[in-house]
N, C-alpha and C. Protein backbone atom coordinates (compact mmCIF):
# COMPACT_ATOMS: atom_id res chain seq x y z
N MET A 1 -52.23 69.91 -20.36
CA MET A 1 -52.19 68.75 -21.10
C MET A 1 -50.74 68.37 -21.15
N LYS A 2 -49.74 69.20 -21.23
CA LYS A 2 -48.31 68.97 -21.26
C LYS A 2 -47.90 68.47 -19.96
N MET A 3 -48.39 69.02 -18.85
CA MET A 3 -48.02 68.48 -17.52
C MET A 3 -48.55 67.02 -17.24
N LYS A 4 -49.68 66.71 -17.80
CA LYS A 4 -50.28 65.40 -17.54
C LYS A 4 -49.41 64.38 -18.44
N LEU A 5 -48.94 64.75 -19.48
CA LEU A 5 -48.13 63.89 -20.35
C LEU A 5 -46.68 63.56 -19.63
N ILE A 6 -46.12 64.57 -18.96
CA ILE A 6 -44.82 64.68 -18.36
C ILE A 6 -45.11 63.73 -17.07
N CYS A 7 -46.17 63.90 -16.37
CA CYS A 7 -46.42 63.17 -15.07
C CYS A 7 -46.71 61.65 -15.56
N THR A 8 -47.38 61.33 -16.50
CA THR A 8 -47.58 59.96 -17.02
C THR A 8 -46.40 59.28 -17.54
N SER A 9 -45.57 60.04 -18.16
CA SER A 9 -44.29 59.50 -18.70
C SER A 9 -43.37 59.27 -17.47
N PHE A 10 -43.43 60.08 -16.41
CA PHE A 10 -42.39 60.00 -15.37
C PHE A 10 -43.03 58.81 -14.60
N GLY A 11 -44.35 58.66 -14.49
CA GLY A 11 -44.96 57.43 -13.78
C GLY A 11 -44.57 56.13 -14.42
N ILE A 12 -44.79 56.13 -15.73
CA ILE A 12 -44.37 54.98 -16.52
C ILE A 12 -42.71 54.57 -16.22
N ALA A 13 -41.99 55.62 -16.32
CA ALA A 13 -40.43 55.36 -16.06
C ALA A 13 -40.28 54.84 -14.62
N VAL A 14 -40.88 55.39 -13.65
CA VAL A 14 -40.72 54.93 -12.30
C VAL A 14 -41.18 53.43 -12.26
N ILE A 15 -42.26 53.12 -12.87
CA ILE A 15 -42.74 51.72 -12.76
C ILE A 15 -41.67 50.74 -13.42
N LEU A 16 -41.21 51.10 -14.65
CA LEU A 16 -40.30 50.44 -15.41
C LEU A 16 -39.04 50.22 -14.64
N VAL A 17 -38.53 51.18 -13.93
CA VAL A 17 -37.24 51.12 -13.29
C VAL A 17 -37.46 50.22 -12.06
N GLY A 18 -38.52 50.40 -11.44
CA GLY A 18 -38.98 49.50 -10.21
C GLY A 18 -39.09 48.12 -10.70
N TRP A 19 -39.66 47.79 -11.76
CA TRP A 19 -39.81 46.47 -12.31
C TRP A 19 -38.45 45.90 -12.79
N GLY A 20 -37.53 46.70 -13.31
CA GLY A 20 -36.25 46.32 -13.60
C GLY A 20 -35.48 45.94 -12.43
N MET A 21 -35.47 46.74 -11.41
CA MET A 21 -34.70 46.51 -10.06
C MET A 21 -35.25 45.21 -9.49
N THR A 22 -36.57 44.98 -9.43
CA THR A 22 -37.14 43.83 -8.94
C THR A 22 -36.62 42.54 -9.75
N TRP A 23 -36.64 42.72 -11.06
CA TRP A 23 -36.19 41.59 -12.00
C TRP A 23 -34.71 41.34 -11.68
N ALA A 24 -33.95 42.34 -11.60
CA ALA A 24 -32.48 42.22 -11.37
C ALA A 24 -32.23 41.41 -9.92
N ASN A 25 -32.89 41.93 -9.14
CA ASN A 25 -32.82 41.24 -7.75
C ASN A 25 -33.25 39.86 -7.64
N GLN A 26 -34.43 39.62 -8.30
CA GLN A 26 -34.77 38.20 -8.39
C GLN A 26 -33.83 37.27 -9.12
N ASN A 27 -33.28 37.92 -10.36
CA ASN A 27 -32.31 37.11 -11.12
C ASN A 27 -31.00 36.89 -10.25
N ALA A 28 -30.53 37.79 -9.50
CA ALA A 28 -29.39 37.64 -8.56
C ALA A 28 -29.63 36.57 -7.53
N LYS A 29 -30.92 36.53 -6.99
CA LYS A 29 -31.24 35.59 -5.93
C LYS A 29 -31.32 34.21 -6.74
N ILE A 30 -31.82 33.97 -7.93
CA ILE A 30 -31.86 32.80 -8.60
C ILE A 30 -30.42 32.30 -8.86
N ASN A 31 -29.55 33.14 -9.29
CA ASN A 31 -28.11 32.79 -9.47
C ASN A 31 -27.53 32.33 -8.17
N ALA A 32 -27.77 33.04 -7.20
CA ALA A 32 -27.15 32.72 -5.83
C ALA A 32 -27.53 31.37 -5.42
N ASN A 33 -29.11 31.15 -5.64
CA ASN A 33 -29.55 29.72 -5.19
C ASN A 33 -28.98 28.59 -6.05
N ARG A 34 -28.71 28.96 -7.36
CA ARG A 34 -28.19 27.95 -8.27
C ARG A 34 -26.82 27.58 -7.80
N ASP A 35 -25.91 28.65 -7.42
CA ASP A 35 -24.57 28.39 -6.96
C ASP A 35 -24.66 27.52 -5.68
N ASN A 36 -25.61 27.84 -4.66
CA ASN A 36 -25.67 27.17 -3.57
C ASN A 36 -26.15 25.52 -3.82
N ILE A 37 -27.13 25.41 -4.67
CA ILE A 37 -27.44 24.11 -5.05
C ILE A 37 -26.33 23.28 -5.58
N GLN A 38 -25.40 23.98 -6.54
CA GLN A 38 -24.40 23.26 -7.03
C GLN A 38 -23.41 22.82 -5.88
N MET A 39 -23.09 23.74 -4.99
CA MET A 39 -22.17 23.45 -3.86
C MET A 39 -22.77 22.27 -2.99
N LEU A 40 -24.16 22.37 -2.75
CA LEU A 40 -24.64 21.30 -1.97
C LEU A 40 -24.74 19.98 -2.71
N SER A 41 -24.79 19.96 -3.96
CA SER A 41 -24.79 18.73 -4.81
C SER A 41 -23.42 18.22 -4.79
N ALA A 42 -22.40 18.95 -4.92
CA ALA A 42 -21.06 18.41 -4.78
C ALA A 42 -20.87 17.85 -3.41
N THR A 43 -21.24 18.49 -2.34
CA THR A 43 -21.09 18.10 -1.05
C THR A 43 -21.86 16.70 -0.88
N VAL A 44 -23.03 16.45 -1.31
CA VAL A 44 -23.85 15.36 -1.18
C VAL A 44 -23.13 14.22 -1.95
N LYS A 45 -22.59 14.51 -3.15
CA LYS A 45 -21.72 13.46 -3.87
C LYS A 45 -20.57 13.01 -3.02
N ASN A 46 -19.88 14.04 -2.46
CA ASN A 46 -18.61 13.74 -1.67
C ASN A 46 -19.03 12.89 -0.39
N VAL A 47 -20.11 13.19 0.27
CA VAL A 47 -20.51 12.46 1.39
C VAL A 47 -20.99 11.15 0.97
N SER A 48 -21.75 11.07 -0.10
CA SER A 48 -22.18 9.71 -0.62
C SER A 48 -21.06 8.84 -0.87
N SER A 49 -20.08 9.32 -1.55
CA SER A 49 -18.84 8.54 -1.84
C SER A 49 -18.13 8.00 -0.63
N GLN A 50 -18.05 8.90 0.42
CA GLN A 50 -17.45 8.55 1.76
C GLN A 50 -18.30 7.42 2.37
N ALA A 51 -19.57 7.48 2.26
CA ALA A 51 -20.45 6.41 2.89
C ALA A 51 -20.13 5.23 2.20
N THR A 52 -20.13 5.17 0.94
CA THR A 52 -19.82 4.00 0.17
C THR A 52 -18.59 3.51 0.55
N GLU A 53 -17.44 4.13 0.65
CA GLU A 53 -16.22 3.75 1.15
C GLU A 53 -16.21 3.16 2.53
N ALA A 54 -16.91 3.82 3.43
CA ALA A 54 -17.12 3.35 4.78
C ALA A 54 -17.83 2.00 4.81
N ASP A 55 -18.78 1.95 3.87
CA ASP A 55 -19.55 0.58 3.91
C ASP A 55 -18.62 -0.53 3.48
N LYS A 56 -17.87 -0.14 2.43
CA LYS A 56 -16.84 -1.16 1.84
C LYS A 56 -15.91 -1.53 3.01
N ALA A 57 -15.40 -0.61 3.72
CA ALA A 57 -14.50 -0.89 4.81
C ALA A 57 -15.06 -1.66 5.94
N ILE A 58 -16.29 -1.40 6.24
CA ILE A 58 -17.02 -2.17 7.26
C ILE A 58 -17.24 -3.70 6.81
N VAL A 59 -17.51 -3.87 5.58
CA VAL A 59 -17.70 -5.24 5.05
C VAL A 59 -16.37 -5.97 5.09
N ARG A 60 -15.25 -5.26 4.82
CA ARG A 60 -13.99 -5.88 4.92
C ARG A 60 -13.60 -6.34 6.29
N MET A 61 -13.97 -5.48 7.21
CA MET A 61 -13.55 -5.64 8.59
C MET A 61 -14.50 -6.83 9.16
N GLU A 62 -15.79 -6.84 8.82
CA GLU A 62 -16.67 -8.02 9.11
C GLU A 62 -16.22 -9.27 8.66
N THR A 63 -15.64 -9.33 7.36
CA THR A 63 -15.04 -10.49 6.83
C THR A 63 -13.88 -10.94 7.50
N LYS A 64 -12.87 -10.03 7.85
CA LYS A 64 -11.78 -10.31 8.67
C LYS A 64 -12.11 -10.93 10.01
N ILE A 65 -13.20 -10.29 10.66
CA ILE A 65 -13.59 -10.75 12.06
C ILE A 65 -14.20 -12.11 11.81
N GLU A 66 -14.88 -12.35 10.88
CA GLU A 66 -15.43 -13.76 10.73
C GLU A 66 -14.28 -14.72 10.43
N PHE A 67 -13.24 -14.38 9.73
CA PHE A 67 -12.11 -15.31 9.45
C PHE A 67 -11.38 -15.55 10.71
N ILE A 68 -11.27 -14.56 11.53
CA ILE A 68 -10.54 -14.72 12.81
C ILE A 68 -11.30 -15.61 13.79
N LEU A 69 -12.74 -15.44 13.76
CA LEU A 69 -13.51 -16.27 14.70
C LEU A 69 -13.52 -17.67 14.25
N GLN A 70 -13.56 -17.96 12.89
CA GLN A 70 -13.34 -19.34 12.34
C GLN A 70 -12.05 -20.01 12.86
N GLY A 71 -10.98 -19.19 12.67
CA GLY A 71 -9.75 -19.67 13.15
C GLY A 71 -9.79 -20.01 14.79
N ILE A 72 -10.44 -19.07 15.52
CA ILE A 72 -10.42 -19.39 16.85
C ILE A 72 -11.30 -20.72 17.24
N ASP A 73 -12.34 -20.85 16.45
CA ASP A 73 -13.25 -22.06 16.49
C ASP A 73 -12.42 -23.26 16.17
N GLU A 74 -11.63 -23.31 15.15
CA GLU A 74 -10.70 -24.28 14.77
C GLU A 74 -9.80 -24.73 15.80
N ILE A 75 -9.12 -23.67 16.35
CA ILE A 75 -8.10 -23.83 17.41
C ILE A 75 -8.84 -24.45 18.76
N LYS A 76 -10.10 -23.97 19.17
CA LYS A 76 -10.85 -24.52 20.15
C LYS A 76 -11.11 -26.11 19.94
N ALA A 77 -11.51 -26.38 18.72
CA ALA A 77 -11.83 -27.78 18.33
C ALA A 77 -10.59 -28.65 18.43
N GLU A 78 -9.57 -28.04 18.01
CA GLU A 78 -8.21 -28.87 18.11
C GLU A 78 -7.69 -29.22 19.49
N ILE A 79 -7.96 -28.16 20.37
CA ILE A 79 -7.62 -28.26 21.77
C ILE A 79 -8.56 -29.29 22.42
N LYS A 80 -9.90 -29.18 22.13
CA LYS A 80 -10.77 -30.26 22.77
C LYS A 80 -10.34 -31.65 22.17
N ALA A 81 -9.97 -31.81 21.04
CA ALA A 81 -9.53 -33.08 20.52
C ALA A 81 -8.35 -33.60 21.18
N ARG A 82 -7.55 -32.85 21.67
CA ARG A 82 -6.30 -33.27 22.38
C ARG A 82 -6.70 -33.74 23.77
C-alpha cells in the first residue's frame, strides 16, 4: 500500500514537472514571438514612413518636370512666333 502511494505521488510529481516545463517553454516562445512582432511592427512603420516620403518626393519631382515642360512649350511657342 505504501509503495503504491509513493509511486502515485512520484507519477503525479513527474506529470506536474512536465506540465510546468511545457508551460514555461510555451511562455518563452510567446514572449519571443511578442518581441519579434514588436520589431516587425517598428520595421513596417519605418518602411511605411519611407514610402510616404518617397511618394512625396516623386510628386515634387513630377511637379518640377511639369513646370520645366511648360517652360519649354512656352519657349517653343515664342520661337515659332518669331
